[in-house]
């Protein structure tokens, strides 16, 4: 009986082409390009631009920030942090920039994916880009950061809640304790 390594080696030597299904990506989750500058932009209210509207069936939901977890392999500490889209955040010697973060609409199986650039910045050494690409929350090992001290992976995406400015209600009842006069309006 052939071992798995022997079978793969003989299949590759014979020029066989085969595909292994790793994960199933819901339709419309990733754009046709891997260029994050072509990902849908998010306006200040947190809603996506019209071409990626969550009202379109199967369209991914654009978000304001990526939720990441990082592992320091030396101290064995896991930290959760948020990386706003387009801003640099720091984790250990890493500088992390999230260019896009998308999640599937609620009617599809849950999946979050983010386009990240992770740079290792150390004193007295030039900056080294250790990762640039899409990461999937459901399969962190599919596209992992390879670093001896740190691991970083995507856990989700977050849409900032809309800012609501409370307006005074004209029909509101003012509470008055006994013995006090109501405030003049």
N, C-alpha and C. Protein backbone atom coordinates (compact mmCIF):
# COMPACT_ATOMS: atom_id res chain seq x y z
N UNK A 1 0.84 -1.18 0.00
CA UNK A 1 0.00 0.00 0.00
C UNK A 1 0.89 1.24 0.00
N UNK A 2 0.60 2.19 -0.91
CA UNK A 2 1.40 3.40 -1.02
C UNK A 2 1.04 4.38 0.09
N UNK A 3 2.05 5.07 0.58
CA UNK A 3 1.78 6.13 1.55
C UNK A 3 1.24 7.34 0.80
N UNK A 4 0.64 8.24 1.53
CA UNK A 4 0.06 9.43 0.94
C UNK A 4 1.14 10.27 0.26
N UNK A 5 2.31 10.40 0.91
CA UNK A 5 3.40 11.19 0.33
C UNK A 5 3.89 10.56 -0.97
N UNK A 6 3.98 9.22 -1.02
CA UNK A 6 4.40 8.53 -2.23
C UNK A 6 3.38 8.74 -3.34
N UNK A 7 2.10 8.67 -3.01
CA UNK A 7 1.05 8.87 -4.01
C UNK A 7 1.10 10.29 -4.57
N UNK A 8 1.23 11.30 -3.69
CA UNK A 8 1.32 12.68 -4.17
C UNK A 8 2.56 12.87 -5.03
N UNK A 9 3.70 12.30 -4.58
CA UNK A 9 4.94 12.44 -5.35
C UNK A 9 4.83 11.82 -6.72
N UNK A 10 4.23 10.62 -6.82
CA UNK A 10 4.10 9.97 -8.12
C UNK A 10 3.08 10.70 -8.99
N UNK A 11 2.04 11.25 -8.39
CA UNK A 11 1.05 11.99 -9.17
C UNK A 11 1.65 13.28 -9.72
N UNK A 12 2.47 13.95 -8.92
CA UNK A 12 3.11 15.18 -9.38
C UNK A 12 4.16 14.89 -10.44
N UNK A 13 4.92 13.79 -10.27
CA UNK A 13 5.95 13.43 -11.24
C UNK A 13 5.32 13.07 -12.58
N UNK A 14 4.15 12.46 -12.55
CA UNK A 14 3.47 12.07 -13.79
C UNK A 14 2.78 13.26 -14.45
N UNK A 15 2.80 14.40 -13.81
CA UNK A 15 2.19 15.58 -14.39
C UNK A 15 0.69 15.66 -14.18
N UNK A 16 0.17 14.89 -13.24
CA UNK A 16 -1.27 14.91 -12.97
C UNK A 16 -1.65 16.23 -12.32
N UNK A 17 -2.79 16.70 -12.68
CA UNK A 17 -3.31 17.91 -12.07
C UNK A 17 -4.56 17.50 -11.29
N UNK A 18 -4.60 17.85 -10.03
CA UNK A 18 -5.76 17.52 -9.22
C UNK A 18 -6.02 18.67 -8.26
N UNK A 19 -7.25 18.75 -7.82
CA UNK A 19 -7.65 19.82 -6.90
C UNK A 19 -8.18 19.20 -5.63
N UNK A 20 -7.79 19.78 -4.53
CA UNK A 20 -8.30 19.35 -3.24
C UNK A 20 -9.25 20.42 -2.73
N UNK A 21 -10.48 20.08 -2.43
CA UNK A 21 -11.40 21.10 -1.90
C UNK A 21 -11.01 21.46 -0.48
N UNK A 22 -10.65 22.73 -0.26
CA UNK A 22 -10.25 23.16 1.07
C UNK A 22 -11.41 23.78 1.83
N UNK A 23 -12.02 24.78 1.23
CA UNK A 23 -13.17 25.41 1.85
C UNK A 23 -14.14 25.80 0.77
N UNK A 24 -15.37 25.98 1.14
CA UNK A 24 -16.37 26.45 0.21
C UNK A 24 -16.64 27.91 0.54
N UNK A 25 -16.34 28.80 -0.40
CA UNK A 25 -16.53 30.22 -0.20
C UNK A 25 -17.91 30.59 -0.74
N UNK A 26 -18.77 31.21 0.07
CA UNK A 26 -20.09 31.60 -0.41
C UNK A 26 -19.98 32.54 -1.60
N UNK A 27 -20.94 32.43 -2.50
CA UNK A 27 -20.91 33.24 -3.71
C UNK A 27 -20.93 34.72 -3.37
N UNK A 28 -20.11 35.47 -4.11
CA UNK A 28 -20.09 36.92 -3.96
C UNK A 28 -19.27 37.42 -2.79
N UNK A 29 -18.63 36.53 -2.01
CA UNK A 29 -17.89 37.00 -0.84
C UNK A 29 -16.64 37.75 -1.24
N UNK A 30 -15.92 37.21 -2.21
CA UNK A 30 -14.69 37.86 -2.65
C UNK A 30 -14.91 38.51 -4.00
N UNK A 31 -14.27 39.64 -4.19
CA UNK A 31 -14.33 40.30 -5.48
C UNK A 31 -13.48 39.51 -6.47
N UNK A 32 -13.59 39.81 -7.76
CA UNK A 32 -12.82 39.11 -8.78
C UNK A 32 -11.33 39.45 -8.70
N UNK A 33 -10.98 40.49 -8.01
CA UNK A 33 -9.60 40.92 -7.91
C UNK A 33 -9.09 40.77 -6.49
N UNK A 34 -7.78 40.70 -6.36
CA UNK A 34 -7.19 40.67 -5.02
C UNK A 34 -6.65 42.03 -4.64
N UNK A 35 -6.94 43.04 -5.44
CA UNK A 35 -6.48 44.39 -5.15
C UNK A 35 -7.45 45.04 -4.16
N UNK A 36 -7.00 45.37 -2.93
CA UNK A 36 -7.92 45.90 -1.93
C UNK A 36 -8.45 47.29 -2.28
N UNK A 37 -7.75 48.00 -3.18
CA UNK A 37 -8.22 49.33 -3.54
C UNK A 37 -9.50 49.28 -4.35
N UNK A 38 -9.81 48.11 -4.92
CA UNK A 38 -11.04 47.95 -5.67
C UNK A 38 -12.18 47.40 -4.82
N UNK A 39 -11.94 47.19 -3.54
CA UNK A 39 -12.99 46.73 -2.63
C UNK A 39 -13.95 47.88 -2.39
N UNK A 40 -15.22 47.59 -2.10
CA UNK A 40 -16.19 48.66 -1.88
C UNK A 40 -15.79 49.55 -0.72
N UNK A 41 -15.92 50.84 -0.93
CA UNK A 41 -15.60 51.79 0.13
C UNK A 41 -16.76 51.90 1.10
N UNK A 42 -16.46 52.37 2.30
CA UNK A 42 -17.47 52.55 3.33
C UNK A 42 -17.55 54.03 3.64
N UNK A 43 -18.76 54.58 3.64
CA UNK A 43 -18.88 56.00 3.95
C UNK A 43 -18.91 56.20 5.45
N UNK A 44 -19.03 57.44 5.89
CA UNK A 44 -18.93 57.75 7.31
C UNK A 44 -20.10 57.22 8.12
N UNK A 45 -21.21 56.93 7.50
CA UNK A 45 -22.34 56.37 8.24
C UNK A 45 -22.24 54.86 8.38
N UNK A 46 -21.25 54.24 7.73
CA UNK A 46 -21.05 52.81 7.88
C UNK A 46 -21.82 51.98 6.87
N UNK A 47 -22.50 52.59 5.91
CA UNK A 47 -23.20 51.81 4.91
C UNK A 47 -22.31 51.69 3.69
N UNK A 48 -22.44 50.62 2.98
CA UNK A 48 -21.60 50.37 1.82
C UNK A 48 -22.04 51.22 0.64
N UNK A 49 -21.14 51.37 -0.30
CA UNK A 49 -21.48 52.10 -1.51
C UNK A 49 -22.52 51.32 -2.29
N UNK A 50 -23.24 51.94 -3.23
CA UNK A 50 -24.34 51.26 -3.91
C UNK A 50 -23.97 49.98 -4.62
N UNK A 51 -22.73 49.84 -5.13
CA UNK A 51 -22.38 48.62 -5.85
C UNK A 51 -22.22 47.41 -4.93
N UNK A 52 -22.15 47.59 -3.63
CA UNK A 52 -22.04 46.46 -2.69
C UNK A 52 -23.12 46.57 -1.62
N UNK A 53 -24.27 47.03 -2.00
CA UNK A 53 -25.34 47.23 -1.05
C UNK A 53 -25.78 45.91 -0.43
N UNK A 54 -25.96 45.88 0.90
CA UNK A 54 -26.41 44.64 1.52
C UNK A 54 -27.83 44.29 1.12
N UNK A 55 -28.50 45.19 0.41
CA UNK A 55 -29.86 44.90 -0.03
C UNK A 55 -29.87 43.99 -1.24
N UNK A 56 -28.75 43.88 -1.95
CA UNK A 56 -28.66 42.98 -3.08
C UNK A 56 -28.48 41.57 -2.54
N UNK A 57 -29.26 40.60 -3.03
CA UNK A 57 -29.13 39.24 -2.51
C UNK A 57 -27.74 38.67 -2.79
N UNK A 58 -27.15 38.08 -1.77
CA UNK A 58 -25.85 37.43 -1.89
C UNK A 58 -24.67 38.38 -1.87
N UNK A 59 -24.91 39.69 -1.74
CA UNK A 59 -23.80 40.65 -1.74
C UNK A 59 -23.13 40.65 -0.37
N UNK A 60 -21.79 40.70 -0.34
CA UNK A 60 -21.11 40.77 0.95
C UNK A 60 -21.37 42.12 1.62
N UNK A 61 -21.31 42.12 2.93
CA UNK A 61 -21.54 43.34 3.70
C UNK A 61 -20.19 43.99 3.98
N UNK A 62 -20.00 45.23 3.48
CA UNK A 62 -18.76 45.95 3.75
C UNK A 62 -18.80 46.45 5.19
N UNK A 63 -17.66 46.49 5.84
CA UNK A 63 -17.62 46.85 7.26
C UNK A 63 -16.59 47.94 7.51
N UNK A 64 -16.58 48.43 8.76
CA UNK A 64 -15.69 49.51 9.15
C UNK A 64 -14.35 49.04 9.70
N UNK A 65 -14.30 47.82 10.23
CA UNK A 65 -13.06 47.35 10.83
C UNK A 65 -13.01 45.83 10.86
N UNK A 66 -11.79 45.31 10.95
CA UNK A 66 -11.57 43.87 11.08
C UNK A 66 -11.29 43.57 12.54
N UNK A 67 -11.86 42.48 13.04
CA UNK A 67 -11.58 42.02 14.39
C UNK A 67 -10.53 40.92 14.26
N UNK A 68 -9.40 41.12 14.91
CA UNK A 68 -8.28 40.21 14.80
C UNK A 68 -7.90 39.65 16.17
N UNK A 69 -7.26 38.50 16.15
CA UNK A 69 -6.65 37.96 17.36
C UNK A 69 -5.18 37.73 17.06
N UNK A 70 -4.37 37.97 18.05
CA UNK A 70 -2.94 37.76 17.90
C UNK A 70 -2.41 36.90 19.03
N UNK A 71 -1.47 36.05 18.71
CA UNK A 71 -0.83 35.17 19.69
C UNK A 71 0.64 35.54 19.78
N UNK A 72 1.10 35.83 20.99
CA UNK A 72 2.52 36.00 21.26
C UNK A 72 3.01 34.62 21.70
N UNK A 73 3.80 33.97 20.87
CA UNK A 73 4.23 32.60 21.14
C UNK A 73 5.21 32.50 22.30
N UNK A 74 5.87 33.60 22.65
CA UNK A 74 6.82 33.59 23.76
C UNK A 74 6.08 33.59 25.10
N UNK A 75 5.08 34.46 25.24
CA UNK A 75 4.34 34.56 26.51
C UNK A 75 3.06 33.74 26.51
N UNK A 76 2.67 33.19 25.36
CA UNK A 76 1.42 32.42 25.20
C UNK A 76 0.18 33.25 25.50
N UNK A 77 0.26 34.55 25.25
CA UNK A 77 -0.89 35.43 25.47
C UNK A 77 -1.61 35.67 24.15
N UNK A 78 -2.93 35.57 24.22
CA UNK A 78 -3.78 35.85 23.06
C UNK A 78 -4.47 37.18 23.30
N UNK A 79 -4.41 38.05 22.32
CA UNK A 79 -5.03 39.38 22.42
C UNK A 79 -6.01 39.55 21.28
N UNK A 80 -7.16 40.14 21.58
CA UNK A 80 -8.11 40.50 20.54
C UNK A 80 -8.05 42.01 20.35
N UNK A 81 -8.00 42.43 19.09
CA UNK A 81 -7.93 43.86 18.81
C UNK A 81 -8.66 44.16 17.52
N UNK A 82 -8.96 45.43 17.33
CA UNK A 82 -9.72 45.88 16.19
C UNK A 82 -8.81 46.69 15.27
N UNK A 83 -8.91 46.44 13.97
CA UNK A 83 -8.12 47.17 12.98
C UNK A 83 -9.07 47.93 12.07
N UNK A 84 -9.26 49.24 12.31
CA UNK A 84 -10.12 50.02 11.42
C UNK A 84 -9.58 50.01 9.99
N UNK A 85 -10.48 50.00 9.03
CA UNK A 85 -10.10 49.94 7.62
C UNK A 85 -9.23 51.16 7.27
N UNK A 86 -8.07 50.88 6.69
CA UNK A 86 -7.17 51.93 6.24
C UNK A 86 -6.25 52.52 7.30
N UNK A 87 -6.36 52.07 8.54
CA UNK A 87 -5.51 52.60 9.61
C UNK A 87 -4.52 51.53 10.07
N UNK A 88 -3.38 51.98 10.56
CA UNK A 88 -2.34 51.08 11.04
C UNK A 88 -2.54 50.81 12.52
N UNK A 89 -2.51 49.53 12.90
CA UNK A 89 -2.54 49.14 14.31
C UNK A 89 -1.27 48.33 14.58
N UNK A 90 -0.89 48.27 15.85
CA UNK A 90 0.35 47.60 16.24
C UNK A 90 0.03 46.40 17.12
N UNK A 91 0.74 45.31 16.87
CA UNK A 91 0.69 44.12 17.72
C UNK A 91 2.12 43.60 17.78
N UNK A 92 2.75 43.73 18.93
CA UNK A 92 4.15 43.36 19.07
C UNK A 92 4.99 44.19 18.12
N UNK A 93 5.80 43.53 17.29
CA UNK A 93 6.61 44.25 16.30
C UNK A 93 5.88 44.38 14.97
N UNK A 94 4.61 43.95 14.91
CA UNK A 94 3.83 44.01 13.68
C UNK A 94 3.12 45.34 13.54
N UNK A 95 3.09 45.85 12.31
CA UNK A 95 2.20 46.93 11.92
C UNK A 95 1.19 46.31 10.97
N UNK A 96 -0.09 46.42 11.31
CA UNK A 96 -1.14 45.75 10.55
C UNK A 96 -2.07 46.80 9.95
N UNK A 97 -2.32 46.67 8.64
CA UNK A 97 -3.26 47.55 7.95
C UNK A 97 -4.32 46.66 7.33
N UNK A 98 -5.59 46.90 7.68
CA UNK A 98 -6.71 46.19 7.06
C UNK A 98 -7.23 47.08 5.94
N UNK A 99 -7.20 46.57 4.71
CA UNK A 99 -7.69 47.34 3.57
C UNK A 99 -9.16 47.07 3.29
N UNK A 100 -9.64 45.90 3.64
CA UNK A 100 -11.05 45.55 3.41
C UNK A 100 -11.43 44.45 4.38
N UNK A 101 -12.67 44.45 4.80
CA UNK A 101 -13.20 43.36 5.62
C UNK A 101 -14.65 43.17 5.21
N UNK A 102 -14.97 41.96 4.82
CA UNK A 102 -16.32 41.67 4.34
C UNK A 102 -16.87 40.47 5.09
N UNK A 103 -18.17 40.48 5.28
CA UNK A 103 -18.82 39.32 5.87
C UNK A 103 -20.06 39.00 5.05
N UNK A 104 -20.46 37.75 5.15
CA UNK A 104 -21.62 37.33 4.37
C UNK A 104 -22.89 37.90 4.97
N UNK A 105 -23.92 38.06 4.15
CA UNK A 105 -25.20 38.53 4.68
C UNK A 105 -25.78 37.49 5.65
N UNK A 106 -26.70 37.91 6.51
CA UNK A 106 -27.23 37.00 7.53
C UNK A 106 -27.92 35.74 6.98
N UNK A 107 -28.41 35.78 5.75
CA UNK A 107 -29.12 34.61 5.22
C UNK A 107 -28.18 33.54 4.68
N UNK A 108 -26.87 33.81 4.62
CA UNK A 108 -25.89 32.83 4.15
C UNK A 108 -25.07 32.29 5.32
N UNK A 109 -24.35 31.18 5.11
CA UNK A 109 -23.49 30.67 6.18
C UNK A 109 -22.48 31.73 6.62
N UNK A 110 -22.20 31.83 7.90
CA UNK A 110 -21.33 32.91 8.39
C UNK A 110 -19.89 32.75 7.89
N UNK A 111 -19.34 33.85 7.39
CA UNK A 111 -17.96 33.89 6.96
C UNK A 111 -17.50 35.34 6.93
N UNK A 112 -16.33 35.58 7.46
CA UNK A 112 -15.71 36.91 7.40
C UNK A 112 -14.36 36.74 6.74
N UNK A 113 -14.01 37.71 5.92
CA UNK A 113 -12.73 37.69 5.24
C UNK A 113 -12.16 39.10 5.21
N UNK A 114 -10.86 39.21 5.35
CA UNK A 114 -10.22 40.52 5.40
C UNK A 114 -8.96 40.51 4.54
N UNK A 115 -8.71 41.65 3.88
CA UNK A 115 -7.47 41.83 3.14
C UNK A 115 -6.53 42.60 4.04
N UNK A 116 -5.43 41.96 4.45
CA UNK A 116 -4.50 42.54 5.41
C UNK A 116 -3.10 42.65 4.83
N UNK A 117 -2.38 43.65 5.32
CA UNK A 117 -0.95 43.75 5.08
C UNK A 117 -0.29 43.82 6.45
N UNK A 118 0.60 42.87 6.71
CA UNK A 118 1.27 42.79 8.01
C UNK A 118 2.76 42.96 7.77
N UNK A 119 3.34 43.96 8.43
CA UNK A 119 4.75 44.28 8.27
C UNK A 119 5.44 44.10 9.62
N UNK A 120 6.58 43.41 9.60
CA UNK A 120 7.39 43.23 10.81
C UNK A 120 8.39 44.37 10.86
N UNK A 121 8.26 45.23 11.87
CA UNK A 121 9.13 46.41 12.00
C UNK A 121 9.97 46.23 13.26
N UNK A 122 11.28 46.09 13.06
CA UNK A 122 12.20 45.93 14.18
C UNK A 122 13.24 47.04 14.13
N UNK A 123 13.73 47.44 15.30
CA UNK A 123 14.76 48.49 15.31
C UNK A 123 16.03 48.01 14.59
N UNK A 124 16.68 48.90 13.91
CA UNK A 124 17.94 48.64 13.21
C UNK A 124 17.82 47.62 12.08
N UNK A 125 16.59 47.35 11.60
CA UNK A 125 16.39 46.45 10.47
C UNK A 125 15.36 47.08 9.54
N UNK A 126 15.47 46.80 8.25
CA UNK A 126 14.44 47.32 7.35
C UNK A 126 13.10 46.61 7.60
N UNK A 127 12.01 47.32 7.34
CA UNK A 127 10.68 46.73 7.50
C UNK A 127 10.52 45.57 6.54
N UNK A 128 9.87 44.51 7.00
CA UNK A 128 9.70 43.30 6.21
C UNK A 128 8.21 42.94 6.15
N UNK A 129 7.63 42.93 4.96
CA UNK A 129 6.22 42.54 4.80
C UNK A 129 6.15 41.02 4.94
N UNK A 130 5.50 40.54 6.02
CA UNK A 130 5.42 39.10 6.26
C UNK A 130 4.13 38.49 5.72
N UNK A 131 3.13 39.33 5.47
CA UNK A 131 1.87 38.82 4.92
C UNK A 131 1.16 39.93 4.19
N UNK A 132 0.59 39.59 3.03
CA UNK A 132 -0.27 40.51 2.30
C UNK A 132 -1.24 39.66 1.50
N UNK A 133 -2.51 39.73 1.88
CA UNK A 133 -3.51 38.94 1.19
C UNK A 133 -4.78 38.80 1.99
N UNK A 134 -5.66 37.92 1.50
CA UNK A 134 -6.95 37.67 2.14
C UNK A 134 -6.80 36.63 3.23
N UNK A 135 -7.44 36.85 4.37
CA UNK A 135 -7.53 35.87 5.45
C UNK A 135 -9.00 35.54 5.67
N UNK A 136 -9.27 34.28 5.95
CA UNK A 136 -10.63 33.81 6.20
C UNK A 136 -10.81 33.45 7.66
N UNK A 137 -11.89 33.91 8.27
CA UNK A 137 -12.14 33.59 9.67
C UNK A 137 -12.42 32.10 9.86
N UNK A 138 -13.08 31.47 8.90
CA UNK A 138 -13.45 30.06 9.06
C UNK A 138 -12.27 29.11 8.84
N UNK A 139 -11.23 29.57 8.15
CA UNK A 139 -10.06 28.73 7.87
C UNK A 139 -8.78 29.53 8.06
N UNK A 140 -8.37 29.77 9.31
CA UNK A 140 -7.18 30.60 9.53
C UNK A 140 -5.90 29.99 8.98
N UNK A 141 -5.83 28.67 8.87
CA UNK A 141 -4.61 28.03 8.37
C UNK A 141 -4.48 28.11 6.85
N UNK A 142 -5.55 28.49 6.17
CA UNK A 142 -5.53 28.56 4.71
C UNK A 142 -4.53 29.60 4.23
N UNK A 143 -4.53 30.76 4.85
CA UNK A 143 -3.55 31.81 4.52
C UNK A 143 -3.06 32.40 5.83
N UNK A 144 -2.03 31.79 6.37
CA UNK A 144 -1.56 32.14 7.71
C UNK A 144 -0.31 33.00 7.65
N UNK A 145 -0.08 33.75 8.72
CA UNK A 145 1.15 34.52 8.89
C UNK A 145 2.22 33.54 9.36
N UNK A 146 3.36 33.54 8.68
CA UNK A 146 4.46 32.68 9.08
C UNK A 146 5.51 33.54 9.76
N UNK A 147 5.56 33.46 11.09
CA UNK A 147 6.49 34.27 11.88
C UNK A 147 6.88 33.48 13.11
N UNK A 148 8.13 33.56 13.54
CA UNK A 148 8.56 32.74 14.70
C UNK A 148 7.98 33.19 16.04
N UNK A 149 7.55 34.44 16.17
CA UNK A 149 7.11 34.93 17.47
C UNK A 149 5.59 35.19 17.52
N UNK A 150 5.00 35.66 16.42
CA UNK A 150 3.59 36.09 16.45
C UNK A 150 2.74 35.35 15.43
N UNK A 151 1.49 35.14 15.78
CA UNK A 151 0.45 34.68 14.87
C UNK A 151 -0.67 35.69 14.92
N UNK A 152 -1.29 35.95 13.78
CA UNK A 152 -2.44 36.86 13.70
C UNK A 152 -3.47 36.19 12.81
N UNK A 153 -4.74 36.25 13.20
CA UNK A 153 -5.82 35.71 12.38
C UNK A 153 -7.07 36.55 12.54
N UNK A 154 -7.95 36.45 11.54
CA UNK A 154 -9.21 37.20 11.51
C UNK A 154 -10.27 36.41 12.27
N UNK A 155 -11.04 37.10 13.11
CA UNK A 155 -12.16 36.44 13.78
C UNK A 155 -13.50 37.00 13.31
N UNK A 156 -13.51 38.19 12.72
CA UNK A 156 -14.77 38.76 12.25
C UNK A 156 -14.58 40.16 11.71
N UNK A 157 -15.70 40.78 11.37
CA UNK A 157 -15.73 42.15 10.88
C UNK A 157 -16.78 42.90 11.69
N UNK A 158 -16.59 44.20 11.82
CA UNK A 158 -17.53 44.99 12.62
C UNK A 158 -17.97 46.22 11.85
N UNK A 159 -19.27 46.47 11.89
CA UNK A 159 -19.84 47.69 11.34
C UNK A 159 -20.12 48.60 12.53
N UNK A 160 -19.60 49.82 12.47
CA UNK A 160 -19.82 50.76 13.57
C UNK A 160 -21.30 51.11 13.64
N UNK A 161 -21.86 51.14 14.85
CA UNK A 161 -23.28 51.50 14.95
C UNK A 161 -23.46 52.96 14.54
N UNK A 162 -24.60 53.27 13.92
CA UNK A 162 -24.83 54.66 13.53
C UNK A 162 -24.91 55.56 14.75
N UNK A 163 -24.39 56.76 14.59
CA UNK A 163 -24.42 57.73 15.68
C UNK A 163 -25.80 58.37 15.71
N UNK A 164 -26.44 58.29 16.86
CA UNK A 164 -27.78 58.85 17.01
C UNK A 164 -27.70 60.00 17.99
N UNK A 165 -28.10 61.18 17.53
CA UNK A 165 -28.14 62.34 18.40
C UNK A 165 -29.55 62.44 18.98
N UNK A 166 -29.69 62.29 20.28
CA UNK A 166 -31.03 62.35 20.86
C UNK A 166 -31.59 63.77 20.73
N UNK A 167 -32.83 63.83 20.30
CA UNK A 167 -33.52 65.12 20.22
C UNK A 167 -34.52 65.18 21.35
N UNK A 168 -34.70 66.36 21.93
CA UNK A 168 -35.66 66.45 23.03
C UNK A 168 -37.07 66.16 22.53
N UNK A 169 -37.76 65.34 23.28
CA UNK A 169 -39.13 64.98 22.94
C UNK A 169 -40.08 66.02 23.54
N UNK A 170 -40.91 66.60 22.68
CA UNK A 170 -41.82 67.64 23.16
C UNK A 170 -42.89 67.08 24.09
N UNK A 171 -43.19 65.79 23.95
CA UNK A 171 -44.24 65.18 24.76
C UNK A 171 -43.69 64.48 26.00
N UNK A 172 -42.39 64.66 26.26
CA UNK A 172 -41.79 63.99 27.41
C UNK A 172 -42.34 64.60 28.71
N UNK A 173 -42.50 63.75 29.68
CA UNK A 173 -43.01 64.19 30.97
C UNK A 173 -41.83 64.40 31.90
N UNK A 174 -41.75 65.56 32.51
CA UNK A 174 -40.67 65.87 33.43
C UNK A 174 -41.06 65.35 34.81
N UNK A 175 -40.12 64.63 35.42
CA UNK A 175 -40.39 64.12 36.75
C UNK A 175 -40.12 65.21 37.78
N UNK A 176 -41.03 65.36 38.70
CA UNK A 176 -40.90 66.37 39.75
C UNK A 176 -41.10 65.67 41.08
N UNK A 177 -40.16 65.88 41.98
CA UNK A 177 -40.31 65.30 43.31
C UNK A 177 -41.25 66.19 44.12
N UNK A 178 -41.96 65.61 45.08
CA UNK A 178 -42.89 66.41 45.87
C UNK A 178 -42.19 67.58 46.57
N UNK A 179 -42.78 68.73 46.51
CA UNK A 179 -42.24 69.90 47.15
C UNK A 179 -41.41 70.77 46.21
N UNK A 180 -41.15 70.32 45.00
CA UNK A 180 -40.39 71.10 44.05
C UNK A 180 -41.32 71.71 43.00
N UNK A 181 -40.88 72.80 42.45
CA UNK A 181 -41.64 73.43 41.37
C UNK A 181 -41.12 72.89 40.02
N UNK A 182 -42.01 72.66 39.08
CA UNK A 182 -41.56 72.23 37.75
C UNK A 182 -40.72 73.33 37.11
N UNK A 183 -39.76 72.95 36.30
CA UNK A 183 -38.89 73.91 35.62
C UNK A 183 -39.68 74.66 34.58
N UNK A 184 -39.43 75.96 34.45
CA UNK A 184 -40.13 76.78 33.46
C UNK A 184 -39.56 76.47 32.09
N UNK A 185 -40.42 76.47 31.09
CA UNK A 185 -39.97 76.15 29.73
C UNK A 185 -39.98 77.35 28.87
